[in-house]
Amino acid sequence: GNSVTANDDNNCGEISSVAKEKARELVKAALEEYMDNDEEWDKIFCQLATESKRPRINYPAPLVDGDEEELGLWGNPKLAIATVMGGRGALYQAEGITFGYSFL
């Protein structure tokens, strides 16, 4: 019978070294584009660094623009951070939840 090996031309599951090298170059180019742009790098790095490490089902409620009516200044993320940085408030960390800030 015919046996199929990794070296056969008809092995559709094989990922060639040429394909892997092309993919590597594409990923490098995409990463360099982000890393060369301070604003984009800051955004993606901060998102990765503060990503929740536990499943979250509506707790704690995320700070999103537009919650001012219900939560006052704490419903506006930028105003809340400015208030904390100005020494007029505090943010408390729940288990598994991470937050941070960055200045460009």
PDB file of N, CA and C in Angstrom:
ATOM      1  N   GLY A   1       0.797  -1.170   0.000  1.00  0.00           N
ATOM      2  CA  GLY A   1       0.000   0.000   0.000  1.00  0.00           C
ATOM      3  C   GLY A   1       0.844   1.239   0.000  1.00  0.00           C
ATOM      4  N   ASN A   2       0.206   2.320  -0.252  1.00  0.00           N
ATOM      5  CA  ASN A   2       0.891   3.613  -0.238  1.00  0.00           C
ATOM      6  C   ASN A   2       0.917   4.162   1.175  1.00  0.00           C
ATOM      7  N   SER A   3       2.082   4.532   1.615  1.00  0.00           N
ATOM      8  CA  SER A   3       2.186   5.169   2.932  1.00  0.00           C
ATOM      9  C   SER A   3       2.582   6.627   2.731  1.00  0.00           C
ATOM     10  N   VAL A   4       2.047   7.482   3.575  1.00  0.00           N
ATOM     11  CA  VAL A   4       2.328   8.905   3.471  1.00  0.00           C
ATOM     12  C   VAL A   4       3.300   9.279   4.577  1.00  0.00           C
ATOM     13  N   THR A   5       4.364   9.978   4.211  1.00  0.00           N
ATOM     14  CA  THR A   5       5.340  10.433   5.200  1.00  0.00           C
ATOM     15  C   THR A   5       5.392  11.958   5.153  1.00  0.00           C
ATOM     16  N   ALA A   6       6.077  12.529   6.093  1.00  0.00           N
ATOM     17  CA  ALA A   6       6.178  13.977   6.168  1.00  0.00           C
ATOM     18  C   ALA A   6       6.878  14.561   4.951  1.00  0.00           C
ATOM     19  N   ASN A   7       7.666  13.746   4.227  1.00  0.00           N
ATOM     20  CA  ASN A   7       8.408  14.242   3.085  1.00  0.00           C
ATOM     21  C   ASN A   7       7.647  14.117   1.774  1.00  0.00           C
ATOM     22  N   ASP A   8       6.502  13.453   1.745  1.00  0.00           N
ATOM     23  CA  ASP A   8       5.741  13.288   0.512  1.00  0.00           C
ATOM     24  C   ASP A   8       5.138  14.617   0.078  1.00  0.00           C
ATOM     25  N   ASP A   9       5.082  14.848  -1.255  1.00  0.00           N
ATOM     26  CA  ASP A   9       4.523  16.079  -1.794  1.00  0.00           C
ATOM     27  C   ASP A   9       3.034  16.218  -1.515  1.00  0.00           C
ATOM     28  N   ASN A  10       2.347  15.107  -1.327  1.00  0.00           N
ATOM     29  CA  ASN A  10       0.902  15.160  -1.131  1.00  0.00           C
ATOM     30  C   ASN A  10       0.490  15.230   0.340  1.00  0.00           C
ATOM     31  N   ASN A  11       1.403  15.497   1.222  1.00  0.00           N
ATOM     32  CA  ASN A  11       1.081  15.602   2.643  1.00  0.00           C
ATOM     33  C   ASN A  11       0.588  17.019   2.935  1.00  0.00           C
ATOM     34  N   CYS A  12      -0.711  17.192   2.933  1.00  0.00           N
ATOM     35  CA  CYS A  12      -1.316  18.518   3.111  1.00  0.00           C
ATOM     36  C   CYS A  12      -1.130  19.072   4.521  1.00  0.00           C
ATOM     37  N   GLY A  13      -0.800  18.251   5.501  1.00  0.00           N
ATOM     38  CA  GLY A  13      -0.664  18.713   6.875  1.00  0.00           C
ATOM     39  C   GLY A  13       0.692  19.308   7.190  1.00  0.00           C
ATOM     40  N   GLU A  14       1.642  19.133   6.301  1.00  0.00           N
ATOM     41  CA  GLU A  14       2.990  19.636   6.579  1.00  0.00           C
ATOM     42  C   GLU A  14       3.060  21.144   6.395  1.00  0.00           C
ATOM     43  N   ILE A  15       3.693  21.808   7.331  1.00  0.00           N
ATOM     44  CA  ILE A  15       3.966  23.235   7.211  1.00  0.00           C
ATOM     45  C   ILE A  15       5.440  23.355   6.864  1.00  0.00           C
ATOM     46  N   SER A  16       5.726  23.835   5.677  1.00  0.00           N
ATOM     47  CA  SER A  16       7.111  23.861   5.185  1.00  0.00           C
ATOM     48  C   SER A  16       7.944  24.888   5.942  1.00  0.00           C
ATOM     49  N   SER A  17       9.240  24.697   5.893  1.00  0.00           N
ATOM     50  CA  SER A  17      10.153  25.644   6.536  1.00  0.00           C
ATOM     51  C   SER A  17      10.077  27.004   5.843  1.00  0.00           C
ATOM     52  N   VAL A  18       9.802  27.022   4.551  1.00  0.00           N
ATOM     53  CA  VAL A  18       9.642  28.288   3.827  1.00  0.00           C
ATOM     54  C   VAL A  18       8.409  29.034   4.348  1.00  0.00           C
ATOM     55  N   ALA A  19       7.296  28.326   4.525  1.00  0.00           N
ATOM     56  CA  ALA A  19       6.080  28.947   5.044  1.00  0.00           C
ATOM     57  C   ALA A  19       6.312  29.469   6.460  1.00  0.00           C
ATOM     58  N   LYS A  20       7.004  28.715   7.283  1.00  0.00           N
ATOM     59  CA  LYS A  20       7.273  29.156   8.654  1.00  0.00           C
ATOM     60  C   LYS A  20       8.156  30.402   8.664  1.00  0.00           C
ATOM     61  N   GLU A  21       9.142  30.457   7.781  1.00  0.00           N
ATOM     62  CA  GLU A  21      10.026  31.624   7.734  1.00  0.00           C
ATOM     63  C   GLU A  21       9.275  32.861   7.237  1.00  0.00           C
ATOM     64  N   LYS A  22       8.400  32.680   6.245  1.00  0.00           N
ATOM     65  CA  LYS A  22       7.588  33.808   5.762  1.00  0.00           C
ATOM     66  C   LYS A  22       6.672  34.322   6.873  1.00  0.00           C
ATOM     67  N   ALA A  23       6.072  33.412   7.609  1.00  0.00           N
ATOM     68  CA  ALA A  23       5.203  33.794   8.731  1.00  0.00           C
ATOM     69  C   ALA A  23       5.998  34.533   9.797  1.00  0.00           C
ATOM     70  N   ARG A  24       7.206  34.056  10.072  1.00  0.00           N
ATOM     71  CA  ARG A  24       8.068  34.708  11.068  1.00  0.00           C
ATOM     72  C   ARG A  24       8.343  36.159  10.662  1.00  0.00           C
ATOM     73  N   GLU A  25       8.651  36.374   9.397  1.00  0.00           N
ATOM     74  CA  GLU A  25       8.946  37.721   8.910  1.00  0.00           C
ATOM     75  C   GLU A  25       7.706  38.632   8.984  1.00  0.00           C
ATOM     76  N   LEU A  26       6.524  38.080   8.673  1.00  0.00           N
ATOM     77  CA  LEU A  26       5.289  38.857   8.780  1.00  0.00           C
ATOM     78  C   LEU A  26       5.019  39.278  10.225  1.00  0.00           C
ATOM     79  N   VAL A  27       5.212  38.347  11.159  1.00  0.00           N
ATOM     80  CA  VAL A  27       4.988  38.656  12.571  1.00  0.00           C
ATOM     81  C   VAL A  27       6.000  39.697  13.056  1.00  0.00           C
ATOM     82  N   LYS A  28       7.266  39.536  12.659  1.00  0.00           N
ATOM     83  CA  LYS A  28       8.291  40.516  13.039  1.00  0.00           C
ATOM     84  C   LYS A  28       7.929  41.911  12.531  1.00  0.00           C
ATOM     85  N   ALA A  29       7.505  42.002  11.271  1.00  0.00           N
ATOM     86  CA  ALA A  29       7.154  43.298  10.684  1.00  0.00           C
ATOM     87  C   ALA A  29       5.978  43.922  11.425  1.00  0.00           C
ATOM     88  N   ALA A  30       4.973  43.111  11.769  1.00  0.00           N
ATOM     89  CA  ALA A  30       3.811  43.621  12.488  1.00  0.00           C
ATOM     90  C   ALA A  30       4.213  44.115  13.878  1.00  0.00           C
ATOM     91  N   LEU A  31       5.057  43.356  14.570  1.00  0.00           N
ATOM     92  CA  LEU A  31       5.502  43.764  15.904  1.00  0.00           C
ATOM     93  C   LEU A  31       6.338  45.033  15.848  1.00  0.00           C
ATOM     94  N   GLU A  32       7.219  45.125  14.852  1.00  0.00           N
ATOM     95  CA  GLU A  32       8.055  46.321  14.723  1.00  0.00           C
ATOM     96  C   GLU A  32       7.194  47.552  14.487  1.00  0.00           C
ATOM     97  N   GLU A  33       6.120  47.393  13.709  1.00  0.00           N
ATOM     98  CA  GLU A  33       5.222  48.518  13.448  1.00  0.00           C
ATOM     99  C   GLU A  33       4.614  49.039  14.749  1.00  0.00           C
ATOM    100  N   TYR A  34       4.187  48.133  15.627  1.00  0.00           N
ATOM    101  CA  TYR A  34       3.632  48.540  16.918  1.00  0.00           C
ATOM    102  C   TYR A  34       4.712  49.098  17.839  1.00  0.00           C
ATOM    103  N   MET A  35       5.855  48.459  17.856  1.00  0.00           N
ATOM    104  CA  MET A  35       6.904  48.871  18.779  1.00  0.00           C
ATOM    105  C   MET A  35       7.528  50.200  18.391  1.00  0.00           C
ATOM    106  N   ASP A  36       7.478  50.560  17.129  1.00  0.00           N
ATOM    107  CA  ASP A  36       8.044  51.829  16.673  1.00  0.00           C
ATOM    108  C   ASP A  36       7.094  53.001  16.898  1.00  0.00           C
ATOM    109  N   ASN A  37       5.850  52.731  17.265  1.00  0.00           N
ATOM    110  CA  ASN A  37       4.852  53.773  17.499  1.00  0.00           C
ATOM    111  C   ASN A  37       4.570  53.800  19.004  1.00  0.00           C
ATOM    112  N   ASP A  38       5.087  54.825  19.684  1.00  0.00           N
ATOM    113  CA  ASP A  38       4.982  54.880  21.150  1.00  0.00           C
ATOM    114  C   ASP A  38       3.541  54.792  21.639  1.00  0.00           C
ATOM    115  N   GLU A  39       2.635  55.473  20.972  1.00  0.00           N
ATOM    116  CA  GLU A  39       1.242  55.468  21.408  1.00  0.00           C
ATOM    117  C   GLU A  39       0.610  54.081  21.267  1.00  0.00           C
ATOM    118  N   GLU A  40       0.849  53.415  20.138  1.00  0.00           N
ATOM    119  CA  GLU A  40       0.307  52.069  19.933  1.00  0.00           C
ATOM    120  C   GLU A  40       0.950  51.058  20.874  1.00  0.00           C
ATOM    121  N   TRP A  41       2.268  51.150  21.065  1.00  0.00           N
ATOM    122  CA  TRP A  41       2.959  50.225  21.969  1.00  0.00           C
ATOM    123  C   TRP A  41       2.447  50.402  23.392  1.00  0.00           C
ATOM    124  N   ASP A  42       2.294  51.655  23.823  1.00  0.00           N
ATOM    125  CA  ASP A  42       1.779  51.935  25.160  1.00  0.00           C
ATOM    126  C   ASP A  42       0.405  51.290  25.340  1.00  0.00           C
ATOM    127  N   LYS A  43      -0.447  51.449  24.344  1.00  0.00           N
ATOM    128  CA  LYS A  43      -1.807  50.904  24.416  1.00  0.00           C
ATOM    129  C   LYS A  43      -1.796  49.376  24.495  1.00  0.00           C
ATOM    130  N   ILE A  44      -1.076  48.707  23.600  1.00  0.00           N
ATOM    131  CA  ILE A  44      -1.101  47.239  23.579  1.00  0.00           C
ATOM    132  C   ILE A  44      -0.391  46.666  24.801  1.00  0.00           C
ATOM    133  N   PHE A  45       0.736  47.267  25.207  1.00  0.00           N
ATOM    134  CA  PHE A  45       1.448  46.743  26.372  1.00  0.00           C
ATOM    135  C   PHE A  45       0.617  46.874  27.635  1.00  0.00           C
ATOM    136  N   CYS A  46      -0.020  48.039  27.817  1.00  0.00           N
ATOM    137  CA  CYS A  46      -0.835  48.253  29.015  1.00  0.00           C
ATOM    138  C   CYS A  46      -2.042  47.318  29.042  1.00  0.00           C
ATOM    139  N   GLN A  47      -2.623  47.043  27.874  1.00  0.00           N
ATOM    140  CA  GLN A  47      -3.738  46.093  27.825  1.00  0.00           C
ATOM    141  C   GLN A  47      -3.268  44.699  28.241  1.00  0.00           C
ATOM    142  N   LEU A  48      -2.108  44.287  27.739  1.00  0.00           N
ATOM    143  CA  LEU A  48      -1.588  42.964  28.106  1.00  0.00           C
ATOM    144  C   LEU A  48      -1.203  42.899  29.579  1.00  0.00           C
ATOM    145  N   ALA A  49      -0.565  43.948  30.060  1.00  0.00           N
ATOM    146  CA  ALA A  49      -0.085  43.947  31.448  1.00  0.00           C
ATOM    147  C   ALA A  49      -1.217  43.968  32.464  1.00  0.00           C
ATOM    148  N   THR A  50      -2.350  44.574  32.098  1.00  0.00           N
ATOM    149  CA  THR A  50      -3.445  44.693  33.062  1.00  0.00           C
ATOM    150  C   THR A  50      -4.592  43.729  32.787  1.00  0.00           C
ATOM    151  N   GLU A  51      -4.395  42.800  31.863  1.00  0.00           N
ATOM    152  CA  GLU A  51      -5.438  41.816  31.555  1.00  0.00           C
ATOM    153  C   GLU A  51      -5.771  40.990  32.795  1.00  0.00           C
ATOM    154  N   SER A  52      -7.052  40.796  33.036  1.00  0.00           N
ATOM    155  CA  SER A  52      -7.496  40.038  34.205  1.00  0.00           C
ATOM    156  C   SER A  52      -6.956  38.612  34.162  1.00  0.00           C
ATOM    157  N   LYS A  53      -6.557  38.133  35.294  1.00  0.00           N
ATOM    158  CA  LYS A  53      -6.018  36.779  35.387  1.00  0.00           C
ATOM    159  C   LYS A  53      -7.041  35.785  35.925  1.00  0.00           C
ATOM    160  N   ARG A  54      -8.286  36.224  36.025  1.00  0.00           N
ATOM    161  CA  ARG A  54      -9.355  35.331  36.462  1.00  0.00           C
ATOM    162  C   ARG A  54     -10.622  35.656  35.675  1.00  0.00           C
ATOM    163  N   PRO A  55     -11.488  34.690  35.558  1.00  0.00           N
ATOM    164  CA  PRO A  55     -12.752  34.974  34.861  1.00  0.00           C
ATOM    165  C   PRO A  55     -13.531  36.053  35.623  1.00  0.00           C
ATOM    166  N   ARG A  56     -14.198  36.911  34.899  1.00  0.00           N
ATOM    167  CA  ARG A  56     -14.921  37.998  35.539  1.00  0.00           C
ATOM    168  C   ARG A  56     -16.349  38.033  35.009  1.00  0.00           C
ATOM    169  N   ILE A  57     -17.279  37.939  35.892  1.00  0.00           N
ATOM    170  CA  ILE A  57     -18.689  37.993  35.515  1.00  0.00           C
ATOM    171  C   ILE A  57     -19.278  39.229  36.176  1.00  0.00           C
ATOM    172  N   ASN A  58     -19.100  40.367  35.512  1.00  0.00           N
ATOM    173  CA  ASN A  58     -19.617  41.650  35.968  1.00  0.00           C
ATOM    174  C   ASN A  58     -19.112  42.100  37.333  1.00  0.00           C
ATOM    175  N   TYR A  59     -17.976  41.586  37.767  1.00  0.00           N
ATOM    176  CA  TYR A  59     -17.375  42.086  38.997  1.00  0.00           C
ATOM    177  C   TYR A  59     -15.873  42.159  38.821  1.00  0.00           C
ATOM    178  N   PRO A  60     -15.257  43.213  39.227  1.00  0.00           N
ATOM    179  CA  PRO A  60     -15.901  44.484  39.501  1.00  0.00           C
ATOM    180  C   PRO A  60     -16.352  45.126  38.199  1.00  0.00           C
ATOM    181  N   ALA A  61     -17.269  46.041  38.306  1.00  0.00           N
ATOM    182  CA  ALA A  61     -17.776  46.707  37.107  1.00  0.00           C
ATOM    183  C   ALA A  61     -16.641  47.489  36.455  1.00  0.00           C
ATOM    184  N   PRO A  62     -16.458  47.355  35.155  1.00  0.00           N
ATOM    185  CA  PRO A  62     -15.382  48.092  34.481  1.00  0.00           C
ATOM    186  C   PRO A  62     -15.696  49.585  34.415  1.00  0.00           C
ATOM    187  N   LEU A  63     -14.660  50.398  34.446  1.00  0.00           N
ATOM    188  CA  LEU A  63     -14.842  51.828  34.251  1.00  0.00           C
ATOM    189  C   LEU A  63     -14.937  52.080  32.755  1.00  0.00           C
ATOM    190  N   VAL A  64     -16.048  52.605  32.322  1.00  0.00           N
ATOM    191  CA  VAL A  64     -16.235  52.935  30.917  1.00  0.00           C
ATOM    192  C   VAL A  64     -16.802  54.338  30.814  1.00  0.00           C
ATOM    193  N   ASP A  65     -16.444  55.017  29.725  1.00  0.00           N
ATOM    194  CA  ASP A  65     -16.988  56.354  29.522  1.00  0.00           C
ATOM    195  C   ASP A  65     -18.503  56.299  29.496  1.00  0.00           C
ATOM    196  N   GLY A  66     -19.155  57.246  30.124  1.00  0.00           N
ATOM    197  CA  GLY A  66     -20.610  57.327  30.088  1.00  0.00           C
ATOM    198  C   GLY A  66     -21.290  56.909  31.386  1.00  0.00           C
ATOM    199  N   ASP A  67     -20.531  56.446  32.381  1.00  0.00           N
ATOM    200  CA  ASP A  67     -21.128  56.031  33.648  1.00  0.00           C
ATOM    201  C   ASP A  67     -21.190  57.175  34.662  1.00  0.00           C
ATOM    202  N   GLU A  68     -20.880  58.413  34.256  1.00  0.00           N
ATOM    203  CA  GLU A  68     -20.828  59.531  35.195  1.00  0.00           C
ATOM    204  C   GLU A  68     -22.150  59.746  35.922  1.00  0.00           C
ATOM    205  N   GLU A  69     -23.251  59.574  35.221  1.00  0.00           N
ATOM    206  CA  GLU A  69     -24.554  59.847  35.822  1.00  0.00           C
ATOM    207  C   GLU A  69     -24.798  58.963  37.047  1.00  0.00           C
ATOM    208  N   GLU A  70     -24.426  57.710  36.937  1.00  0.00           N
ATOM    209  CA  GLU A  70     -24.668  56.760  38.026  1.00  0.00           C
ATOM    210  C   GLU A  70     -23.569  56.798  39.080  1.00  0.00           C
ATOM    211  N   LEU A  71     -22.321  56.972  38.655  1.00  0.00           N
ATOM    212  CA  LEU A  71     -21.188  56.834  39.572  1.00  0.00           C
ATOM    213  C   LEU A  71     -20.452  58.130  39.872  1.00  0.00           C
ATOM    214  N   GLY A  72     -20.924  59.245  39.360  1.00  0.00           N
ATOM    215  CA  GLY A  72     -20.228  60.507  39.576  1.00  0.00           C
ATOM    216  C   GLY A  72     -18.873  60.486  38.896  1.00  0.00           C
ATOM    217  N   LEU A  73     -17.881  61.135  39.515  1.00  0.00           N
ATOM    218  CA  LEU A  73     -16.564  61.194  38.879  1.00  0.00           C
ATOM    219  C   LEU A  73     -15.951  59.804  38.704  1.00  0.00           C
ATOM    220  N   TRP A  74     -16.354  58.843  39.516  1.00  0.00           N
ATOM    221  CA  TRP A  74     -15.804  57.486  39.400  1.00  0.00           C
ATOM    222  C   TRP A  74     -16.335  56.760  38.170  1.00  0.00           C
ATOM    223  N   GLY A  75     -17.345  57.308  37.529  1.00  0.00           N
ATOM    224  CA  GLY A  75     -17.865  56.728  36.299  1.00  0.00           C
ATOM    225  C   GLY A  75     -17.155  57.226  35.058  1.00  0.00           C
ATOM    226  N   ASN A  76     -16.207  58.125  35.220  1.00  0.00           N
ATOM    227  CA  ASN A  76     -15.413  58.641  34.113  1.00  0.00           C
ATOM    228  C   ASN A  76     -13.973  58.197  34.343  1.00  0.00           C
ATOM    229  N   PRO A  77     -13.473  57.221  33.569  1.00  0.00           N
ATOM    230  CA  PRO A  77     -12.133  56.670  33.835  1.00  0.00           C
ATOM    231  C   PRO A  77     -11.035  57.722  33.909  1.00  0.00           C
ATOM    232  N   LYS A  78     -11.018  58.675  32.986  1.00  0.00           N
ATOM    233  CA  LYS A  78      -9.958  59.681  32.976  1.00  0.00           C
ATOM    234  C   LYS A  78     -10.040  60.582  34.207  1.00  0.00           C
ATOM    235  N   LEU A  79     -11.246  60.995  34.576  1.00  0.00           N
ATOM    236  CA  LEU A  79     -11.429  61.838  35.756  1.00  0.00           C
ATOM    237  C   LEU A  79     -11.120  61.057  37.036  1.00  0.00           C
ATOM    238  N   ALA A  80     -11.493  59.786  37.073  1.00  0.00           N
ATOM    239  CA  ALA A  80     -11.201  58.956  38.244  1.00  0.00           C
ATOM    240  C   ALA A  80      -9.692  58.829  38.450  1.00  0.00           C
ATOM    241  N   ILE A  81      -8.952  58.552  37.382  1.00  0.00           N
ATOM    242  CA  ILE A  81      -7.493  58.420  37.489  1.00  0.00           C
ATOM    243  C   ILE A  81      -6.874  59.755  37.889  1.00  0.00           C
ATOM    244  N   ALA A  82      -7.344  60.852  37.286  1.00  0.00           N
ATOM    245  CA  ALA A  82      -6.820  62.182  37.639  1.00  0.00           C
ATOM    246  C   ALA A  82      -7.073  62.483  39.116  1.00  0.00           C
ATOM    247  N   THR A  83      -8.227  62.086  39.620  1.00  0.00           N
ATOM    248  CA  THR A  83      -8.566  62.306  41.028  1.00  0.00           C
ATOM    249  C   THR A  83      -7.620  61.513  41.934  1.00  0.00           C
ATOM    250  N   VAL A  84      -7.385  60.259  41.590  1.00  0.00           N
ATOM    251  CA  VAL A  84      -6.470  59.420  42.382  1.00  0.00           C
ATOM    252  C   VAL A  84      -5.061  59.975  42.314  1.00  0.00           C
ATOM    253  N   MET A  85      -4.602  60.329  41.111  1.00  0.00           N
ATOM    254  CA  MET A  85      -3.244  60.848  40.958  1.00  0.00           C
ATOM    255  C   MET A  85      -3.074  62.177  41.685  1.00  0.00           C
ATOM    256  N   GLY A  86      -4.173  62.925  41.844  1.00  0.00           N
ATOM    257  CA  GLY A  86      -4.136  64.188  42.576  1.00  0.00           C
ATOM    258  C   GLY A  86      -4.242  64.010  44.087  1.00  0.00           C
ATOM    259  N   GLY A  87      -4.304  62.759  44.554  1.00  0.00           N
ATOM    260  CA  GLY A  87      -4.341  62.492  45.982  1.00  0.00           C
ATOM    261  C   GLY A  87      -5.715  62.659  46.615  1.00  0.00           C
ATOM    262  N   ARG A  88      -6.755  62.690  45.790  1.00  0.00           N
ATOM    263  CA  ARG A  88      -8.098  62.915  46.314  1.00  0.00           C
ATOM    264  C   ARG A  88      -8.986  61.679  46.201  1.00  0.00           C
ATOM    265  N   GLY A  89      -8.387  60.513  46.164  1.00  0.00           N
ATOM    266  CA  GLY A  89      -9.169  59.293  46.052  1.00  0.00           C
ATOM    267  C   GLY A  89      -8.246  58.096  45.982  1.00  0.00           C
ATOM    268  N   ALA A  90      -8.829  56.911  45.929  1.00  0.00           N
ATOM    269  CA  ALA A  90      -8.032  55.688  45.866  1.00  0.00           C
ATOM    270  C   ALA A  90      -8.772  54.644  45.049  1.00  0.00           C
ATOM    271  N   LEU A  91      -8.019  53.808  44.393  1.00  0.00           N
ATOM    272  CA  LEU A  91      -8.575  52.638  43.714  1.00  0.00           C
ATOM    273  C   LEU A  91      -8.089  51.418  44.473  1.00  0.00           C
ATOM    274  N   TYR A  92      -8.971  50.499  44.717  1.00  0.00           N
ATOM    275  CA  TYR A  92      -8.616  49.288  45.436  1.00  0.00           C
ATOM    276  C   TYR A  92      -8.644  48.112  44.488  1.00  0.00           C
ATOM    277  N   GLN A  93      -7.704  47.236  44.672  1.00  0.00           N
ATOM    278  CA  GLN A  93      -7.544  46.100  43.772  1.00  0.00           C
ATOM    279  C   GLN A  93      -8.282  44.882  44.316  1.00  0.00           C
ATOM    280  N   ALA A  94      -9.124  44.289  43.470  1.00  0.00           N
ATOM    281  CA  ALA A  94      -9.781  43.032  43.819  1.00  0.00           C
ATOM    282  C   ALA A  94      -8.857  41.880  43.410  1.00  0.00           C
ATOM    283  N   GLU A  95      -8.984  40.762  44.074  1.00  0.00           N
ATOM    284  CA  GLU A  95      -8.155  39.603  43.771  1.00  0.00           C
ATOM    285  C   GLU A  95      -8.226  39.267  42.283  1.00  0.00           C
ATOM    286  N   GLY A  96      -7.052  39.120  41.668  1.00  0.00           N
ATOM    287  CA  GLY A  96      -6.991  38.743  40.265  1.00  0.00           C
ATOM    288  C   GLY A  96      -7.188  39.880  39.287  1.00  0.00           C
ATOM    289  N   ILE A  97      -7.480  41.068  39.784  1.00  0.00           N
ATOM    290  CA  ILE A  97      -7.706  42.225  38.923  1.00  0.00           C
ATOM    291  C   ILE A  97      -6.474  43.115  38.993  1.00  0.00           C
ATOM    292  N   THR A  98      -6.001  43.570  37.857  1.00  0.00           N
ATOM    293  CA  THR A  98      -4.818  44.398  37.788  1.00  0.00           C
ATOM    294  C   THR A  98      -5.149  45.716  37.113  1.00  0.00           C
ATOM    295  N   PHE A  99      -4.599  46.788  37.619  1.00  0.00           N
ATOM    296  CA  PHE A  99      -4.755  48.067  36.939  1.00  0.00           C
ATOM    297  C   PHE A  99      -3.422  48.782  36.937  1.00  0.00           C
ATOM    298  N   GLY A 100      -3.279  49.704  36.034  1.00  0.00           N
ATOM    299  CA  GLY A 100      -2.032  50.460  35.938  1.00  0.00           C
ATOM    300  C   GLY A 100      -2.284  51.724  35.148  1.00  0.00           C
ATOM    301  N   TYR A 101      -1.278  52.556  35.068  1.00  0.00           N
ATOM    302  CA  TYR A 101      -1.374  53.777  34.280  1.00  0.00           C
ATOM    303  C   TYR A 101      -0.022  54.025  33.642  1.00  0.00           C
ATOM    304  N   SER A 102      -0.010  54.878  32.638  1.00  0.00           N
ATOM    305  CA  SER A 102       1.215  55.191  31.926  1.00  0.00           C
ATOM    306  C   SER A 102       1.142  56.616  31.417  1.00  0.00           C
ATOM    307  N   PHE A 103       2.271  57.294  31.411  1.00  0.00           N
ATOM    308  CA  PHE A 103       2.361  58.634  30.841  1.00  0.00           C
ATOM    309  C   PHE A 103       3.207  58.537  29.587  1.00  0.00           C
ATOM    310  N   LEU A 104       2.744  59.124  28.507  1.00  0.00           N
ATOM    311  CA  LEU A 104       3.550  59.170  27.274  1.00  0.00           C
ATOM    312  C   LEU A 104       4.451  60.369  27.290  1.00  0.00           C
TER     313      LEU A 104
END
